[in-house]
Amino acid sequence: MEPLLRLLHPCWQSLGGIRARERRSLRVVPVRCSGFFPPFRASLAAAWAGRLLCRRFLPVDRTREPASLRWQPPRRPIMGDGDRVEIDGGIMEGGGQILRVSTALSCLLHTPLCVKNIRAGRSQPGLRPQHLSGLEMVRDLCDGHMEGGEIGSTEITFTPGKIKGGIHVADTKTAGSVCLLMQVAMPCVLFAASPSELHLKGGTNAEMAPQIDYTVMVFKPMVEKFNLTLDCNIKRRGYYPKGGGEVIVRMSPVKQLSPINLMDRGNVTKIHGRAFVAGTLPIRIAKDMASAAERCIRKEIRDLSVNIQAVQEPANEAFGNGTGIIIVAETSTGCLLAGSSLGKRGKNADKVGIEAAEMLLANLRHGGAVDDYLQDQLIIFMALANGVSKVKTGPITLHTETAIHFAEKLTKAKFTVTKSEEEGSPKDAFVIECHGIGLLNTNL
């Protein structure tokens, strides 16, 4: 009987799988033979009974079985499988945008990455706190691996893993822009396995970056045209030089992004905005900015009402002193274009308001459906979308050229930029067209 059990149950001989005490407790009841049930069939029946008992009651040591017989789970790409792509962070725009676009696409496409000459085009090359905190958040949200992640580093290697949802935190501990943190993380969490919540800490209204008001009033409704949902809650505003702001971004994953068509700007139907002061600064500054901006706009647009509110930020919703303005134009086709400016010590309030107004007017003159700030922020979504996206815009910015270059390099999406041939289009109107790769969220 035991030879048969040895044959039918490979772990019989394994002391790790079946301890001696357990083997001694195993009993096989003899089967009485009669009629057409010969003895060898009785032995076989007893052997099968023993095998079933072993399977039911005794632990099985699968490690003692031949590897070819053991069940192997399907292999999942835990870390990037492809060849490492090398990126020169000093070409074209030469700043943090190259790092943000490349890292986000590396995470999404499971492509190992090496970025050299980081921010070589800036007065202080290398990683600054806001860039490092953004990289660390992407590393954590995909269980990736990063080398060279330290302040001042001019080279990093990044190996992505599987994107996961949940709560993720990034804190610049400076006035570094939370909106730029959002730029690197947002495309990644769209393709996570579950909803995500991003807690982004730093500056909400910072120089050389979109203001959080622009993100909420313009970027959010425009990017949602890709068939995604973005919830952005400004918990506390923070300004230069201390930062201290916090924004909570909530997003649900998508199966696939839809392409967009922003070719018809339509007519401007409404102009509105907000001029704000925070901290110990008087509300008079906000009123002066709003008045100066309205006067500037009315010189060129007389048939529309312009409503710019002067706002004193509540003390419990802002950290430090800050001032600025954003003005948004809404159109009959649902397009949104804006102009904005930040105040600082020694800068006249009227000048701040006029800067924002002139930026808005310049964006309206070129006839495009998006403004200069939004242009480059749409590129990564166009590359990932399923189908052909078209956007009419003004002169192509260096940031947009840079985003297109690296999106093509990493995704193999095909972009074309041509002058607008529509009748009556200004000479500086262009069309950006992209055949997206139709990235699928395999987690859903």
Protein backbone atom coordinates (compact mmCIF):
# COMPACT_ATOMS: atom_id res chain seq x y z
CA MET A 1 0.00 0.00 0.00
CA GLU A 2 2.70 2.52 0.94
CA PRO A 3 4.48 2.24 -2.45
CA LEU A 4 1.23 3.19 -4.12
CA LEU A 5 0.82 6.16 -1.79
CA ARG A 6 4.40 7.19 -2.48
CA LEU A 7 3.62 7.11 -6.17
CA LEU A 8 0.33 8.95 -5.95
CA HIS A 9 1.36 11.56 -3.38
CA PRO A 10 4.84 13.06 -4.05
CA CYS A 11 5.00 14.67 -0.62
CA TRP A 12 4.71 11.31 1.22
CA GLN A 13 8.49 11.14 1.42
CA SER A 14 8.90 14.74 2.50
CA LEU A 15 9.36 15.22 6.24
CA GLY A 16 8.78 18.92 5.69
CA GLY A 17 5.46 18.22 4.02
CA ILE A 18 4.19 15.30 6.15
CA ARG A 19 5.62 14.87 9.60
CA ALA A 20 6.25 11.37 10.96
CA ARG A 21 3.54 11.77 13.60
CA GLU A 22 1.02 12.64 10.89
CA ARG A 23 2.10 9.69 8.75
CA ARG A 24 1.63 7.34 11.68
CA SER A 25 -1.87 8.69 12.22
CA LEU A 26 -2.85 7.89 8.64
CA ARG A 27 -4.86 4.67 8.39
CA VAL A 28 -6.27 3.07 5.26
CA VAL A 29 -9.20 0.73 5.89
CA PRO A 30 -8.88 -2.60 3.99
CA VAL A 31 -11.52 -3.21 1.36
CA ARG A 32 -13.24 -6.59 1.41
CA CYS A 33 -12.99 -8.37 -1.96
CA SER A 34 -15.80 -10.36 -3.45
CA GLY A 35 -17.42 -11.18 -6.74
CA PHE A 36 -16.20 -9.08 -9.61
CA PHE A 37 -14.05 -6.84 -7.38
CA PRO A 38 -10.61 -8.52 -7.48
CA PRO A 39 -7.88 -7.80 -4.89
CA PHE A 40 -5.82 -5.52 -7.12
CA ARG A 41 -8.81 -3.23 -7.53
CA ALA A 42 -9.25 -3.13 -3.78
CA SER A 43 -5.63 -2.09 -3.40
CA LEU A 44 -6.08 0.63 -6.01
CA ALA A 45 -9.19 1.94 -4.27
CA ALA A 46 -7.33 2.06 -0.96
CA ALA A 47 -4.48 3.91 -2.61
CA TRP A 48 -6.82 6.54 -4.01
CA ALA A 49 -8.48 6.90 -0.60
CA GLY A 50 -5.06 7.49 0.95
CA ARG A 51 -4.26 10.09 -1.68
CA LEU A 52 -7.48 11.96 -0.99
CA LEU A 53 -6.79 11.89 2.75
CA CYS A 54 -3.32 13.30 2.19
CA ARG A 55 -4.67 16.10 0.07
CA ARG A 56 -7.46 16.89 2.53
CA PHE A 57 -5.70 16.73 5.88
CA LEU A 58 -1.95 16.94 5.41
CA PRO A 59 0.14 19.98 4.41
CA VAL A 60 1.67 19.80 0.97
CA ASP A 61 5.23 20.95 0.37
CA ARG A 62 5.09 22.11 -3.23
CA THR A 63 8.74 23.09 -3.16
CA ARG A 64 9.64 19.39 -3.26
CA GLU A 65 7.80 18.91 -6.54
CA PRO A 66 9.64 19.43 -9.84
CA ALA A 67 9.42 23.06 -10.97
CA SER A 68 7.89 21.95 -14.25
CA LEU A 69 4.93 20.44 -12.37
CA ARG A 70 4.27 23.36 -10.04
CA TRP A 71 1.65 25.97 -10.97
CA GLN A 72 3.23 29.32 -11.79
CA PRO A 73 1.19 32.55 -11.54
CA PRO A 74 1.20 34.72 -14.66
CA ARG A 75 4.09 37.16 -14.63
CA ARG A 76 3.20 40.77 -13.93
CA PRO A 77 5.52 43.69 -14.76
CA ILE A 78 6.49 44.79 -11.24
CA MET A 79 9.38 46.89 -12.47
CA GLY A 80 10.00 48.46 -15.86
CA ASP A 81 10.86 45.78 -18.38
CA GLY A 82 12.08 47.76 -21.39
CA ASP A 83 15.49 49.16 -22.19
CA ARG A 84 16.37 52.24 -20.18
CA VAL A 85 15.65 55.46 -22.09
CA GLU A 86 18.21 58.24 -21.71
CA ILE A 87 16.92 61.83 -21.58
CA ASP A 88 19.00 64.99 -21.90
CA GLY A 89 17.44 67.43 -19.44
CA GLY A 90 19.47 70.35 -20.75
CA ILE A 91 18.01 70.70 -24.24
CA MET A 92 15.16 72.93 -25.44
CA GLU A 93 13.31 74.38 -22.43
CA GLY A 94 16.05 72.94 -20.21
CA GLY A 95 14.03 73.05 -16.98
CA GLY A 96 11.82 71.00 -14.72
CA GLN A 97 9.20 70.37 -17.39
CA ILE A 98 11.44 67.78 -19.09
CA LEU A 99 11.72 65.93 -15.79
CA ARG A 100 7.94 66.02 -15.15
CA VAL A 101 6.88 64.84 -18.61
CA SER A 102 9.55 62.14 -18.85
CA THR A 103 8.96 60.72 -15.37
CA ALA A 104 5.17 60.62 -15.77
CA LEU A 105 5.46 58.80 -19.12
CA SER A 106 8.10 56.44 -17.72
CA CYS A 107 5.68 55.52 -14.94
CA LEU A 108 2.75 55.03 -17.34
CA LEU A 109 4.64 53.01 -19.95
CA HIS A 110 6.77 50.92 -17.54
CA THR A 111 9.89 52.30 -19.19
CA PRO A 112 13.09 52.64 -17.12
CA LEU A 113 14.50 56.14 -17.39
CA CYS A 114 17.78 58.00 -16.99
CA VAL A 115 17.66 61.81 -17.01
CA LYS A 116 20.98 63.63 -17.29
CA ASN A 117 21.84 67.34 -17.19
CA ILE A 118 18.76 68.06 -15.09
CA ARG A 119 17.71 71.72 -15.34
CA ALA A 120 20.94 72.60 -17.12
CA GLY A 121 19.21 75.63 -18.59
CA ARG A 122 18.57 77.24 -15.21
CA SER A 123 20.69 79.51 -13.05
CA GLN A 124 20.67 76.80 -10.35
CA PRO A 125 20.96 73.48 -12.22
CA GLY A 126 19.93 70.19 -10.64
CA LEU A 127 17.00 69.12 -8.52
CA ARG A 128 15.29 71.68 -6.31
CA PRO A 129 12.98 70.67 -3.44
CA GLN A 130 9.81 70.86 -5.54
CA HIS A 131 11.28 68.64 -8.26
CA LEU A 132 12.55 66.07 -5.76
CA SER A 133 9.25 65.88 -3.87
CA GLY A 134 7.41 65.34 -7.15
CA LEU A 135 9.77 62.53 -8.16
CA GLU A 136 9.45 60.89 -4.75
CA MET A 137 5.67 60.96 -4.96
CA VAL A 138 5.66 59.28 -8.39
CA ARG A 139 8.19 56.72 -7.14
CA ASP A 140 5.96 55.90 -4.17
CA LEU A 141 2.68 55.76 -6.07
CA CYS A 142 4.08 53.14 -8.45
CA ASP A 143 6.38 51.26 -6.01
CA GLY A 144 9.30 52.28 -8.20
CA HIS A 145 13.00 52.72 -7.57
CA MET A 146 15.04 55.92 -7.95
CA GLU A 147 18.74 56.65 -7.73
CA GLY A 148 20.27 60.12 -7.55
CA GLY A 149 17.28 61.62 -5.78
CA GLU A 150 18.83 64.44 -3.75
CA ILE A 151 18.86 68.22 -3.82
CA GLY A 152 21.29 69.51 -6.46
CA SER A 153 21.55 66.20 -8.30
CA THR A 154 21.88 66.58 -12.08
CA GLU A 155 21.22 62.93 -12.93
CA ILE A 156 18.61 60.41 -11.81
CA THR A 157 17.63 56.90 -12.83
CA PHE A 158 14.05 55.82 -12.38
CA THR A 159 12.57 52.33 -12.64
CA PRO A 160 8.77 52.28 -12.40
CA GLY A 161 6.54 49.60 -10.90
CA LYS A 162 2.77 49.12 -10.83
CA ILE A 163 0.67 52.25 -10.29
CA LYS A 164 -1.57 52.08 -7.24
CA GLY A 165 -4.33 54.30 -5.92
CA GLY A 166 -4.78 55.54 -2.37
CA ILE A 167 -3.47 58.60 -0.52
CA HIS A 168 -0.14 60.08 -1.59
CA VAL A 169 1.62 63.11 -0.09
CA ALA A 170 4.19 65.49 -1.57
CA ASP A 171 5.59 68.38 0.47
CA THR A 172 8.10 70.78 -1.07
CA LYS A 173 8.67 72.39 2.39
CA THR A 174 9.19 75.61 0.38
CA ALA A 175 7.05 77.87 -1.81
CA GLY A 176 7.58 75.45 -4.70
CA SER A 177 4.43 75.19 -6.80
CA VAL A 178 1.81 72.57 -5.89
CA CYS A 179 0.48 72.95 -9.44
CA LEU A 180 3.74 71.58 -10.84
CA LEU A 181 3.51 68.67 -8.41
CA MET A 182 0.07 68.00 -9.84
CA GLN A 183 1.45 68.03 -13.39
CA VAL A 184 3.78 65.08 -12.76
CA ALA A 185 1.39 62.96 -10.67
CA MET A 186 -1.98 63.52 -12.30
CA PRO A 187 -1.42 61.55 -15.54
CA CYS A 188 -0.08 58.61 -13.50
CA VAL A 189 -3.01 58.23 -11.10
CA LEU A 190 -5.47 58.30 -14.02
CA PHE A 191 -4.19 54.81 -14.83
CA ALA A 192 -4.08 53.48 -11.28
CA ALA A 193 -6.02 50.47 -10.03
CA SER A 194 -8.26 52.51 -7.68
CA PRO A 195 -9.17 56.14 -6.83
CA SER A 196 -6.35 58.41 -5.65
CA GLU A 197 -6.04 61.33 -3.26
CA LEU A 198 -3.02 63.61 -3.61
CA HIS A 199 -2.06 65.90 -0.73
CA LEU A 200 0.19 68.55 -2.28
CA LYS A 201 1.96 71.03 -0.03
CA GLY A 202 3.95 74.13 -0.95
CA GLY A 203 3.13 77.36 -2.79
CA THR A 204 -0.32 77.73 -4.33
CA ASN A 205 0.42 81.02 -6.06
CA ALA A 206 4.05 80.94 -7.17
CA GLU A 207 6.16 82.64 -9.83
CA MET A 208 7.10 80.69 -12.98
CA ALA A 209 4.12 78.34 -12.55
CA PRO A 210 0.34 78.35 -13.01
CA GLN A 211 -1.55 79.79 -10.04
CA ILE A 212 -3.90 77.42 -8.25
CA ASP A 213 -6.76 79.70 -9.33
CA TYR A 214 -5.81 79.04 -12.96
CA THR A 215 -5.76 75.30 -12.30
CA VAL A 216 -9.27 75.37 -10.81
CA MET A 217 -10.86 77.93 -13.14
CA VAL A 218 -9.25 77.00 -16.49
CA PHE A 219 -7.16 73.82 -16.48
CA LYS A 220 -9.73 71.65 -14.65
CA PRO A 221 -12.74 72.22 -16.94
CA MET A 222 -10.59 72.08 -20.09
CA VAL A 223 -8.69 68.88 -19.24
CA GLU A 224 -11.94 67.18 -18.26
CA LYS A 225 -12.79 67.21 -21.98
CA PHE A 226 -10.51 64.15 -22.21
CA ASN A 227 -13.30 62.29 -20.33
CA LEU A 228 -11.78 62.40 -16.86
CA THR A 229 -12.88 63.88 -13.55
CA LEU A 230 -10.69 66.12 -11.40
CA ASP A 231 -11.60 67.40 -7.94
CA CYS A 232 -9.31 70.08 -6.52
CA ASN A 233 -9.85 71.37 -2.99
CA ILE A 234 -7.79 74.37 -1.86
CA LYS A 235 -7.36 73.67 1.84
CA ARG A 236 -4.90 76.50 2.51
CA ARG A 237 -3.10 79.00 0.28
CA GLY A 238 0.64 79.55 0.57
CA TYR A 239 2.88 82.23 -0.91
CA TYR A 240 6.51 83.09 -1.49
CA PRO A 241 8.83 82.73 0.38
CA LYS A 242 7.42 80.35 3.03
CA GLY A 243 4.87 78.31 1.11
CA GLY A 244 2.68 76.50 3.64
CA GLY A 245 -0.21 75.94 1.24
CA GLU A 246 -2.05 72.65 0.80
CA VAL A 247 -4.25 71.36 -2.00
CA ILE A 248 -6.09 68.03 -2.03
CA VAL A 249 -6.64 66.48 -5.46
CA ARG A 250 -9.01 63.54 -5.88
CA MET A 251 -9.16 61.51 -9.06
CA SER A 252 -10.74 58.26 -10.21
CA PRO A 253 -8.96 56.04 -12.72
CA VAL A 254 -10.10 55.87 -16.35
CA LYS A 255 -10.08 52.97 -18.80
CA GLN A 256 -8.88 55.20 -21.62
CA LEU A 257 -8.68 58.92 -22.44
CA SER A 258 -10.87 60.35 -25.19
CA PRO A 259 -9.37 62.64 -27.83
CA ILE A 260 -10.32 66.32 -27.88
CA ASN A 261 -11.20 68.80 -30.62
CA LEU A 262 -10.61 72.42 -29.67
CA MET A 263 -10.68 74.08 -33.08
CA ASP A 264 -13.58 76.51 -32.66
CA ARG A 265 -13.10 79.10 -29.97
CA GLY A 266 -16.44 80.77 -30.58
CA ASN A 267 -17.26 84.25 -29.29
CA VAL A 268 -16.31 85.62 -25.91
CA THR A 269 -19.46 85.76 -23.79
CA LYS A 270 -18.16 86.59 -20.32
CA ILE A 271 -15.08 87.99 -18.57
CA HIS A 272 -14.65 87.51 -14.85
CA GLY A 273 -11.89 87.06 -12.30
CA ARG A 274 -10.60 87.53 -8.80
CA ALA A 275 -8.00 89.89 -7.34
CA PHE A 276 -6.84 88.71 -3.93
CA VAL A 277 -4.77 89.75 -0.94
CA ALA A 278 -3.80 87.60 2.02
CA GLY A 279 -2.17 88.06 5.40
CA THR A 280 -1.66 91.62 6.62
CA LEU A 281 -2.05 93.24 3.19
CA PRO A 282 -5.02 95.66 2.88
CA ILE A 283 -7.99 94.93 0.61
CA ARG A 284 -7.31 98.23 -1.13
CA ILE A 285 -4.49 96.55 -3.09
CA ALA A 286 -6.92 93.97 -4.49
CA LYS A 287 -9.39 96.70 -5.47
CA ASP A 288 -6.66 98.67 -7.24
CA MET A 289 -5.57 95.60 -9.22
CA ALA A 290 -9.15 94.85 -10.26
CA SER A 291 -9.87 98.44 -11.31
CA ALA A 292 -6.67 98.75 -13.37
CA ALA A 293 -7.38 95.42 -15.12
CA GLU A 294 -10.96 96.45 -15.99
CA ARG A 295 -9.84 99.78 -17.45
CA CYS A 296 -7.25 98.01 -19.60
CA ILE A 297 -9.74 95.45 -20.94
CA ARG A 298 -12.42 98.04 -21.73
CA LYS A 299 -10.05 99.85 -24.08
CA GLU A 300 -10.33 96.84 -26.40
CA ILE A 301 -13.58 95.10 -25.41
CA ARG A 302 -16.48 97.50 -24.79
CA ASP A 303 -19.58 95.39 -25.35
CA LEU A 304 -19.09 92.92 -22.49
CA SER A 305 -19.36 93.32 -18.75
CA VAL A 306 -16.14 92.68 -16.84
CA ASN A 307 -16.58 91.40 -13.31
CA ILE A 308 -13.39 91.09 -11.24
CA GLN A 309 -13.97 90.55 -7.53
CA ALA A 310 -11.62 91.95 -4.90
CA VAL A 311 -11.08 89.29 -2.22
CA GLN A 312 -9.44 89.24 1.22
CA GLU A 313 -8.44 85.61 1.85
CA PRO A 314 -9.66 84.36 5.27
CA ALA A 315 -6.84 84.17 7.81
CA ASN A 316 -7.41 80.46 8.45
CA GLU A 317 -7.25 79.65 4.74
CA ALA A 318 -3.96 81.34 3.86
CA PHE A 319 -0.40 81.25 5.19
CA GLY A 320 1.71 84.39 4.92
CA ASN A 321 1.27 87.53 2.80
CA GLY A 322 0.39 87.32 -0.86
CA THR A 323 -1.40 89.17 -3.64
CA GLY A 324 -2.35 88.47 -7.23
CA ILE A 325 -5.04 88.45 -9.89
CA ILE A 326 -6.53 86.11 -12.50
CA ILE A 327 -8.97 87.07 -15.28
CA VAL A 328 -10.86 84.46 -17.32
CA ALA A 329 -12.71 84.81 -20.63
CA GLU A 330 -15.48 82.28 -21.35
CA THR A 331 -16.63 81.61 -24.92
CA SER A 332 -19.78 80.35 -26.63
CA THR A 333 -18.16 76.96 -27.35
CA GLY A 334 -17.04 76.32 -23.77
CA CYS A 335 -13.42 77.45 -24.16
CA LEU A 336 -11.63 79.22 -21.32
CA LEU A 337 -8.65 81.56 -21.71
CA ALA A 338 -6.95 83.56 -18.98
CA GLY A 339 -4.36 86.10 -17.95
CA SER A 340 -2.78 86.36 -14.50
CA SER A 341 -0.11 88.11 -12.50
CA LEU A 342 1.34 88.10 -8.99
CA GLY A 343 2.20 91.04 -6.83
CA LYS A 344 5.39 91.45 -4.85
CA ARG A 345 7.07 94.02 -2.64
CA GLY A 346 7.77 97.22 -4.57
CA LYS A 347 5.47 96.33 -7.47
CA ASN A 348 2.61 98.75 -8.05
CA ALA A 349 -0.88 97.23 -7.76
CA ASP A 350 -2.03 98.88 -11.00
CA LYS A 351 0.88 97.26 -12.84
CA VAL A 352 -0.11 93.82 -11.56
CA GLY A 353 -3.68 94.27 -12.81
CA ILE A 354 -2.58 95.60 -16.20
CA GLU A 355 -0.15 92.69 -16.72
CA ALA A 356 -2.96 90.19 -16.21
CA ALA A 357 -5.33 92.11 -18.52
CA GLU A 358 -2.75 92.44 -21.29
CA MET A 359 -1.96 88.72 -21.08
CA LEU A 360 -5.65 87.86 -21.47
CA LEU A 361 -6.07 90.24 -24.43
CA ALA A 362 -3.01 88.76 -26.17
CA ASN A 363 -4.50 85.28 -25.78
CA LEU A 364 -7.77 86.48 -27.29
CA ARG A 365 -6.14 88.21 -30.28
CA HIS A 366 -4.53 85.06 -31.73
CA GLY A 367 -7.90 83.38 -32.16
CA GLY A 368 -6.86 80.10 -30.53
CA ALA A 369 -9.12 77.94 -28.38
CA VAL A 370 -6.53 77.67 -25.59
CA ASP A 371 -4.15 80.16 -24.01
CA ASP A 372 -0.37 80.05 -23.75
CA TYR A 373 -0.40 78.48 -20.28
CA LEU A 374 -2.70 75.60 -21.25
CA GLN A 375 -0.94 74.75 -24.51
CA ASP A 376 1.87 72.62 -23.13
CA GLN A 377 -0.20 71.13 -20.28
CA LEU A 378 -2.48 69.34 -22.79
CA ILE A 379 0.32 67.62 -24.73
CA ILE A 380 0.78 64.56 -22.50
CA PHE A 381 -2.98 63.87 -22.47
CA MET A 382 -3.17 64.19 -26.26
CA ALA A 383 -0.34 61.66 -26.59
CA LEU A 384 -2.12 59.14 -24.34
CA ALA A 385 -5.65 59.57 -25.76
CA ASN A 386 -7.32 57.07 -28.07
CA GLY A 387 -7.59 58.83 -31.41
CA VAL A 388 -6.80 62.13 -33.09
CA SER A 389 -6.81 65.31 -31.02
CA LYS A 390 -6.74 68.78 -32.55
CA VAL A 391 -6.13 72.09 -30.76
CA LYS A 392 -6.07 75.54 -32.30
CA THR A 393 -3.75 77.86 -30.45
CA GLY A 394 -1.56 80.91 -30.73
CA PRO A 395 2.21 80.94 -31.27
CA ILE A 396 3.78 77.68 -30.13
CA THR A 397 5.70 78.21 -26.90
CA LEU A 398 9.07 76.63 -26.11
CA HIS A 399 7.40 74.68 -23.30
CA THR A 400 4.98 73.19 -25.84
CA GLU A 401 7.77 72.29 -28.28
CA THR A 402 9.62 70.61 -25.43
CA ALA A 403 6.56 68.65 -24.26
CA ILE A 404 5.91 67.45 -27.84
CA HIS A 405 9.53 66.37 -28.32
CA PHE A 406 9.63 64.17 -25.23
CA ALA A 407 6.08 62.87 -25.62
CA GLU A 408 6.98 61.65 -29.12
CA LYS A 409 10.26 60.18 -27.92
CA LEU A 410 8.70 58.16 -25.11
CA THR A 411 5.22 57.26 -26.42
CA LYS A 412 5.81 57.19 -30.21
CA ALA A 413 2.65 59.29 -30.60
CA LYS A 414 2.72 61.41 -33.77
CA PHE A 415 2.37 65.20 -33.49
CA THR A 416 2.11 67.75 -36.28
CA VAL A 417 2.10 71.53 -35.89
CA THR A 418 0.83 73.58 -38.81
CA LYS A 419 -0.30 77.14 -39.43
CA SER A 420 -4.05 77.54 -39.27
CA GLU A 421 -5.50 77.70 -42.79
CA GLU A 422 -8.98 78.75 -41.70
CA GLU A 423 -10.24 81.85 -43.43
CA GLY A 424 -9.81 84.91 -41.25
CA SER A 425 -7.37 83.25 -38.84
CA PRO A 426 -4.63 85.53 -37.51
CA LYS A 427 -1.17 84.88 -38.95
CA ASP A 428 0.09 83.59 -35.59
CA ALA A 429 -2.64 80.93 -35.20
CA PHE A 430 -1.47 77.32 -35.25
CA VAL A 431 -3.03 73.86 -35.08
CA ILE A 432 -1.53 71.07 -32.97
CA GLU A 433 -2.67 67.62 -34.10
CA CYS A 434 -1.81 64.36 -32.39
CA HIS A 435 -2.48 60.71 -33.17
CA GLY A 436 -2.59 59.37 -29.60
CA ILE A 437 -1.47 55.89 -28.60
CA GLY A 438 -4.76 54.98 -26.88
CA LEU A 439 -3.15 53.83 -23.63
CA LEU A 440 -5.38 51.31 -21.83
CA ASN A 441 -5.66 51.01 -18.07
CA THR A 442 -5.12 47.28 -17.64
CA ASN A 443 -5.97 47.55 -13.95
CA LEU A 444 -9.66 48.13 -14.70
